[in-house]
Amino acid sequence: MDTAVINIRTQASVKEQLQRVAEELGLTVSALINGLIKQVIRTKRVEFSTREEIPSPYMIKMLKESEEDIKKGRVSPAFDNADDAIAWLENPHPKYANKL
């Protein structure tokens, strides 16, 4: 692959925050920025938002309901792989069956 280097200047704190976000997303900073560049090329648009995301009343209601479900144990167990999850869906453990 033919590559080129782009150097940018930004505040150290911005770079650190970007690195954390990229890591949380399972990406490198380069992959994240390349994705952004490709999106700009594809859409020919750049969008910035200066306001913080505010959840809708419906989202807040659903988050509260999910917190209650977790507190009451109405959740499926965690699985290490898809086969275990499918097996559980086909035959839920009796311990959880009455809570779903």
Protein backbone atom coordinates (compact mmCIF):
# COMPACT_ATOMS: atom_id res chain seq x y z
CA MET A 1 0.00 0.00 0.00
CA ASP A 2 1.33 3.43 -0.95
CA THR A 3 1.18 5.63 2.17
CA ALA A 4 1.84 9.28 2.98
CA VAL A 5 2.40 11.02 6.30
CA ILE A 6 0.24 13.91 7.49
CA ASN A 7 1.54 15.90 10.46
CA ILE A 8 -0.85 17.96 12.54
CA ARG A 9 -0.45 20.10 15.63
CA THR A 10 -2.90 19.81 18.50
CA GLN A 11 -2.94 20.29 22.24
CA ALA A 12 -1.36 17.45 24.21
CA SER A 13 -4.59 16.96 26.18
CA VAL A 14 -6.58 16.62 22.95
CA LYS A 15 -4.15 14.00 21.66
CA GLU A 16 -4.40 12.04 24.94
CA GLN A 17 -8.20 12.14 24.85
CA LEU A 18 -8.19 10.98 21.22
CA GLN A 19 -5.86 8.11 22.07
CA ARG A 20 -8.19 7.01 24.88
CA VAL A 21 -11.27 7.15 22.65
CA ALA A 22 -9.52 5.27 19.85
CA GLU A 23 -8.40 2.60 22.31
CA GLU A 24 -11.94 2.25 23.71
CA LEU A 25 -13.15 1.71 20.14
CA GLY A 26 -10.43 -0.87 19.51
CA LEU A 27 -8.68 1.35 16.96
CA THR A 28 -5.39 3.12 16.57
CA VAL A 29 -5.39 6.88 16.21
CA SER A 30 -4.20 6.42 12.62
CA ALA A 31 -7.11 4.08 11.83
CA LEU A 32 -9.60 6.47 13.42
CA ILE A 33 -8.26 9.49 11.51
CA ASN A 34 -8.05 7.52 8.24
CA GLY A 35 -11.70 6.56 8.69
CA LEU A 36 -12.63 10.20 9.26
CA ILE A 37 -10.66 11.30 6.18
CA LYS A 38 -12.33 8.65 4.01
CA GLN A 39 -15.75 9.68 5.30
CA VAL A 40 -15.07 13.32 4.39
CA ILE A 41 -13.92 12.27 0.91
CA ARG A 42 -16.96 10.02 0.42
CA THR A 43 -19.60 12.44 1.73
CA LYS A 44 -17.87 15.75 0.99
CA ARG A 45 -19.15 16.92 4.37
CA VAL A 46 -17.61 17.84 7.68
CA GLU A 47 -19.82 18.08 10.75
CA PHE A 48 -18.81 19.49 14.11
CA SER A 49 -20.94 19.75 17.19
CA THR A 50 -20.18 22.05 20.08
CA ARG A 51 -22.92 20.74 22.29
CA GLU A 52 -22.96 17.68 24.45
CA GLU A 53 -25.24 14.82 23.53
CA ILE A 54 -28.39 14.95 25.64
CA PRO A 55 -30.38 11.72 25.87
CA SER A 56 -34.05 11.88 24.93
CA PRO A 57 -36.70 11.31 27.60
CA TYR A 58 -37.34 7.89 26.02
CA MET A 59 -33.64 6.97 26.28
CA ILE A 60 -33.55 8.04 29.93
CA LYS A 61 -36.65 5.90 30.62
CA MET A 62 -35.10 2.87 28.89
CA LEU A 63 -31.81 3.28 30.79
CA LYS A 64 -33.69 3.37 34.10
CA GLU A 65 -35.64 0.25 33.12
CA SER A 66 -32.45 -1.58 32.18
CA GLU A 67 -30.85 -0.60 35.50
CA GLU A 68 -33.87 -2.07 37.29
CA ASP A 69 -33.63 -5.25 35.21
CA ILE A 70 -29.99 -5.62 36.17
CA LYS A 71 -30.73 -5.04 39.87
CA LYS A 72 -33.52 -7.66 39.78
CA GLY A 73 -31.36 -10.17 37.92
CA ARG A 74 -33.46 -10.14 34.75
CA VAL A 75 -30.47 -10.41 32.45
CA SER A 76 -28.85 -13.24 30.59
CA PRO A 77 -25.48 -14.46 31.81
CA ALA A 78 -22.24 -13.44 30.10
CA PHE A 79 -20.88 -15.90 27.56
CA ASP A 80 -17.33 -16.64 26.44
CA ASN A 81 -18.36 -17.61 22.92
CA ALA A 82 -21.31 -17.67 20.53
CA ASP A 83 -21.87 -21.44 20.83
CA ASP A 84 -22.53 -21.13 24.59
CA ALA A 85 -24.91 -18.22 23.98
CA ILE A 86 -26.87 -20.15 21.36
CA ALA A 87 -27.01 -23.22 23.60
CA TRP A 88 -28.37 -21.07 26.43
CA LEU A 89 -30.98 -19.52 24.14
CA GLU A 90 -32.13 -22.98 23.06
CA ASN A 91 -32.27 -24.26 26.63
CA PRO A 92 -32.00 -21.51 29.28
CA HIS A 93 -30.73 -22.58 32.66
CA PRO A 94 -33.68 -22.95 35.07
CA LYS A 95 -32.02 -20.46 37.41
CA TYR A 96 -32.71 -17.70 34.86
CA ALA A 97 -35.81 -19.00 33.06
CA ASN A 98 -38.34 -17.48 35.48
CA LYS A 99 -36.68 -14.07 35.41
CA LEU A 100 -36.78 -13.46 31.65
